[in-house]
Amino acid sequence: MRRVDYIVWGKEACPQCDTLKNMMDKKEINYNYFDVTDERHSEKLLEIKTLGFRGVPVLEYTESGVMIGFQIAFGKVMKGEIK
């Protein structure tokens, strides 16, 4: 079983979500993707909003639960800081 260190929280028809997922795929970074508009994830959406995020994608580190927004996540992926 593959180790998954990241969760990408996003939604359909989201260009930034697609960009982040495509870049992570290109760099072969394992992640799980969840759609925040799916009612099964309503508690997580509330948590994301409570933390001050106003849009998606949000990248979550599975081990620590730390979340970062698109600009920071994309920069870290591009620099190789997320592997």
N, C-alpha and C. Protein backbone atom coordinates (compact mmCIF):
# COMPACT_ATOMS: atom_id res chain seq x y z
N MET A 1 0.85 -1.19 0.00
CA MET A 1 0.00 0.00 0.00
C MET A 1 0.89 1.24 0.00
N ARG A 2 0.54 2.18 -0.83
CA ARG A 2 1.35 3.39 -0.94
C ARG A 2 1.10 4.33 0.23
N ARG A 3 2.12 5.04 0.61
CA ARG A 3 2.01 6.02 1.68
C ARG A 3 1.48 7.32 1.09
N VAL A 4 0.50 7.90 1.74
CA VAL A 4 -0.07 9.16 1.28
C VAL A 4 0.18 10.21 2.36
N ASP A 5 0.95 11.21 2.01
CA ASP A 5 1.30 12.25 2.97
C ASP A 5 0.46 13.51 2.84
N TYR A 6 -0.35 13.59 1.78
CA TYR A 6 -1.08 14.83 1.51
C TYR A 6 -2.51 14.54 1.10
N ILE A 7 -3.36 15.50 1.40
CA ILE A 7 -4.73 15.50 0.92
C ILE A 7 -4.95 16.83 0.21
N VAL A 8 -5.48 16.76 -0.99
CA VAL A 8 -5.87 17.97 -1.72
C VAL A 8 -7.38 18.08 -1.58
N TRP A 9 -7.82 19.18 -0.96
CA TRP A 9 -9.24 19.48 -0.84
C TRP A 9 -9.57 20.46 -1.96
N GLY A 10 -10.53 20.10 -2.80
CA GLY A 10 -10.86 20.95 -3.93
C GLY A 10 -12.31 20.77 -4.33
N LYS A 11 -12.60 21.16 -5.57
CA LYS A 11 -13.94 20.97 -6.12
C LYS A 11 -13.83 20.92 -7.63
N GLU A 12 -14.89 20.44 -8.27
CA GLU A 12 -14.89 20.36 -9.73
C GLU A 12 -14.91 21.77 -10.33
N ALA A 13 -14.45 21.86 -11.56
CA ALA A 13 -14.42 23.13 -12.30
C ALA A 13 -13.59 24.18 -11.57
N CYS A 14 -12.49 23.74 -10.98
CA CYS A 14 -11.59 24.64 -10.24
C CYS A 14 -10.22 24.58 -10.92
N PRO A 15 -9.87 25.61 -11.69
CA PRO A 15 -8.59 25.58 -12.40
C PRO A 15 -7.37 25.44 -11.48
N GLN A 16 -7.40 26.09 -10.33
CA GLN A 16 -6.27 25.99 -9.40
C GLN A 16 -6.16 24.57 -8.84
N CYS A 17 -7.30 23.94 -8.59
CA CYS A 17 -7.29 22.55 -8.09
C CYS A 17 -6.65 21.64 -9.14
N ASP A 18 -7.07 21.82 -10.39
CA ASP A 18 -6.50 21.02 -11.48
C ASP A 18 -5.01 21.26 -11.64
N THR A 19 -4.59 22.51 -11.53
CA THR A 19 -3.17 22.85 -11.65
C THR A 19 -2.36 22.17 -10.57
N LEU A 20 -2.82 22.25 -9.32
CA LEU A 20 -2.08 21.63 -8.22
C LEU A 20 -2.04 20.11 -8.38
N LYS A 21 -3.17 19.49 -8.71
CA LYS A 21 -3.20 18.04 -8.88
C LYS A 21 -2.29 17.61 -10.04
N ASN A 22 -2.34 18.34 -11.14
CA ASN A 22 -1.50 18.00 -12.30
C ASN A 22 -0.01 18.11 -11.97
N MET A 23 0.36 19.15 -11.24
CA MET A 23 1.76 19.33 -10.86
C MET A 23 2.20 18.23 -9.90
N MET A 24 1.35 17.86 -8.96
CA MET A 24 1.70 16.80 -8.03
C MET A 24 1.80 15.46 -8.76
N ASP A 25 0.91 15.23 -9.72
CA ASP A 25 0.99 14.01 -10.54
C ASP A 25 2.29 13.98 -11.32
N LYS A 26 2.63 15.10 -11.93
CA LYS A 26 3.85 15.20 -12.74
C LYS A 26 5.09 14.90 -11.91
N LYS A 27 5.08 15.35 -10.66
CA LYS A 27 6.23 15.14 -9.77
C LYS A 27 6.10 13.84 -8.98
N GLU A 28 5.07 13.04 -9.31
CA GLU A 28 4.83 11.74 -8.68
C GLU A 28 4.71 11.83 -7.16
N ILE A 29 3.97 12.82 -6.71
CA ILE A 29 3.70 13.01 -5.28
C ILE A 29 2.37 12.32 -4.98
N ASN A 30 2.39 11.40 -4.02
CA ASN A 30 1.17 10.68 -3.65
C ASN A 30 0.26 11.58 -2.81
N TYR A 31 -0.99 11.61 -3.19
CA TYR A 31 -1.98 12.38 -2.45
C TYR A 31 -3.35 11.76 -2.67
N ASN A 32 -4.26 12.10 -1.78
CA ASN A 32 -5.66 11.77 -1.97
C ASN A 32 -6.39 13.06 -2.28
N TYR A 33 -7.42 12.97 -3.08
CA TYR A 33 -8.21 14.13 -3.45
C TYR A 33 -9.63 13.96 -2.94
N PHE A 34 -10.16 15.00 -2.32
CA PHE A 34 -11.54 15.00 -1.86
C PHE A 34 -12.22 16.27 -2.29
N ASP A 35 -13.47 16.15 -2.71
CA ASP A 35 -14.28 17.27 -3.16
C ASP A 35 -15.02 17.84 -1.95
N VAL A 36 -14.78 19.12 -1.64
CA VAL A 36 -15.41 19.73 -0.47
C VAL A 36 -16.90 19.94 -0.67
N THR A 37 -17.39 19.84 -1.91
CA THR A 37 -18.82 20.02 -2.13
C THR A 37 -19.60 18.73 -1.87
N ASP A 38 -18.89 17.63 -1.66
CA ASP A 38 -19.54 16.36 -1.32
C ASP A 38 -20.01 16.46 0.13
N GLU A 39 -21.28 16.22 0.36
CA GLU A 39 -21.85 16.39 1.70
C GLU A 39 -21.17 15.53 2.76
N ARG A 40 -20.50 14.46 2.35
CA ARG A 40 -19.77 13.62 3.33
C ARG A 40 -18.60 14.38 3.95
N HIS A 41 -18.18 15.47 3.32
CA HIS A 41 -17.03 16.23 3.81
C HIS A 41 -17.43 17.60 4.37
N SER A 42 -18.69 17.75 4.76
CA SER A 42 -19.18 19.05 5.23
C SER A 42 -18.45 19.53 6.49
N GLU A 43 -18.09 18.60 7.38
CA GLU A 43 -17.34 19.00 8.58
C GLU A 43 -15.96 19.53 8.22
N LYS A 44 -15.31 18.90 7.25
CA LYS A 44 -13.98 19.35 6.83
C LYS A 44 -14.09 20.72 6.17
N LEU A 45 -15.13 20.94 5.36
CA LEU A 45 -15.33 22.24 4.74
C LEU A 45 -15.48 23.32 5.80
N LEU A 46 -16.23 23.05 6.84
CA LEU A 46 -16.40 24.00 7.93
C LEU A 46 -15.05 24.27 8.60
N GLU A 47 -14.25 23.24 8.83
CA GLU A 47 -12.93 23.41 9.42
C GLU A 47 -12.04 24.29 8.53
N ILE A 48 -12.07 24.03 7.23
CA ILE A 48 -11.27 24.81 6.29
C ILE A 48 -11.68 26.28 6.34
N LYS A 49 -12.97 26.54 6.34
CA LYS A 49 -13.46 27.92 6.42
C LYS A 49 -13.10 28.57 7.74
N THR A 50 -13.21 27.81 8.83
CA THR A 50 -12.88 28.33 10.16
C THR A 50 -11.42 28.74 10.25
N LEU A 51 -10.56 28.02 9.53
CA LEU A 51 -9.13 28.36 9.53
C LEU A 51 -8.82 29.58 8.66
N GLY A 52 -9.83 30.10 7.98
CA GLY A 52 -9.64 31.34 7.22
C GLY A 52 -9.46 31.15 5.73
N PHE A 53 -9.49 29.93 5.26
CA PHE A 53 -9.36 29.70 3.82
C PHE A 53 -10.68 30.09 3.15
N ARG A 54 -10.58 30.85 2.07
CA ARG A 54 -11.78 31.32 1.37
C ARG A 54 -11.95 30.65 0.01
N GLY A 55 -11.04 29.78 -0.33
CA GLY A 55 -11.14 29.09 -1.61
C GLY A 55 -10.35 27.80 -1.57
N VAL A 56 -10.45 27.07 -2.64
CA VAL A 56 -9.72 25.83 -2.79
C VAL A 56 -8.80 25.97 -3.99
N PRO A 57 -7.78 25.18 -4.09
CA PRO A 57 -7.48 24.02 -3.27
C PRO A 57 -6.81 24.39 -1.95
N VAL A 58 -6.94 23.47 -1.03
CA VAL A 58 -6.21 23.51 0.23
C VAL A 58 -5.46 22.19 0.31
N LEU A 59 -4.17 22.29 0.61
CA LEU A 59 -3.33 21.09 0.73
C LEU A 59 -3.13 20.81 2.21
N GLU A 60 -3.46 19.59 2.62
CA GLU A 60 -3.33 19.19 4.02
C GLU A 60 -2.23 18.14 4.15
N TYR A 61 -1.35 18.37 5.13
CA TYR A 61 -0.34 17.37 5.46
C TYR A 61 -1.04 16.35 6.36
N THR A 62 -1.11 15.08 5.94
CA THR A 62 -1.89 14.10 6.68
C THR A 62 -1.34 13.82 8.07
N GLU A 63 -0.04 13.86 8.24
CA GLU A 63 0.55 13.53 9.54
C GLU A 63 0.26 14.60 10.59
N SER A 64 0.38 15.87 10.20
CA SER A 64 0.24 16.95 11.18
C SER A 64 -1.12 17.64 11.11
N GLY A 65 -1.82 17.50 9.99
CA GLY A 65 -3.09 18.20 9.84
C GLY A 65 -2.92 19.66 9.42
N VAL A 66 -1.69 20.11 9.22
CA VAL A 66 -1.43 21.48 8.80
C VAL A 66 -1.98 21.66 7.39
N MET A 67 -2.62 22.81 7.16
CA MET A 67 -3.19 23.09 5.86
C MET A 67 -2.56 24.35 5.28
N ILE A 68 -2.33 24.33 3.97
CA ILE A 68 -1.81 25.50 3.27
C ILE A 68 -2.63 25.74 2.02
N GLY A 69 -2.70 27.00 1.62
CA GLY A 69 -3.48 27.37 0.44
C GLY A 69 -2.72 27.16 -0.86
N PHE A 70 -3.39 27.47 -1.96
CA PHE A 70 -2.87 27.19 -3.29
C PHE A 70 -1.52 27.84 -3.56
N GLN A 71 -1.37 29.12 -3.31
CA GLN A 71 -0.14 29.82 -3.66
C GLN A 71 1.07 29.19 -2.97
N ILE A 72 0.96 28.95 -1.69
CA ILE A 72 2.07 28.36 -0.94
C ILE A 72 2.30 26.92 -1.38
N ALA A 73 1.22 26.15 -1.52
CA ALA A 73 1.35 24.74 -1.93
C ALA A 73 2.02 24.64 -3.29
N PHE A 74 1.56 25.43 -4.25
CA PHE A 74 2.13 25.37 -5.60
C PHE A 74 3.61 25.72 -5.57
N GLY A 75 3.97 26.77 -4.82
CA GLY A 75 5.37 27.16 -4.70
C GLY A 75 6.23 26.05 -4.10
N LYS A 76 5.72 25.39 -3.06
CA LYS A 76 6.47 24.31 -2.42
C LYS A 76 6.63 23.10 -3.35
N VAL A 77 5.60 22.80 -4.12
CA VAL A 77 5.70 21.70 -5.08
C VAL A 77 6.74 22.04 -6.14
N MET A 78 6.68 23.26 -6.67
CA MET A 78 7.61 23.67 -7.72
C MET A 78 9.06 23.66 -7.24
N LYS A 79 9.28 24.03 -5.98
CA LYS A 79 10.64 24.08 -5.43
C LYS A 79 11.12 22.72 -4.96
N GLY A 80 10.26 21.72 -5.00
CA GLY A 80 10.65 20.39 -4.55
C GLY A 80 10.60 20.23 -3.04
N GLU A 81 9.95 21.16 -2.35
CA GLU A 81 9.85 21.08 -0.89
C GLU A 81 8.78 20.09 -0.46
N ILE A 82 7.88 19.75 -1.36
CA ILE A 82 6.86 18.74 -1.12
C ILE A 82 7.19 17.57 -2.02
N LYS A 83 7.40 16.41 -1.40
CA LYS A 83 7.81 15.23 -2.16
C LYS A 83 6.93 14.05 -1.83
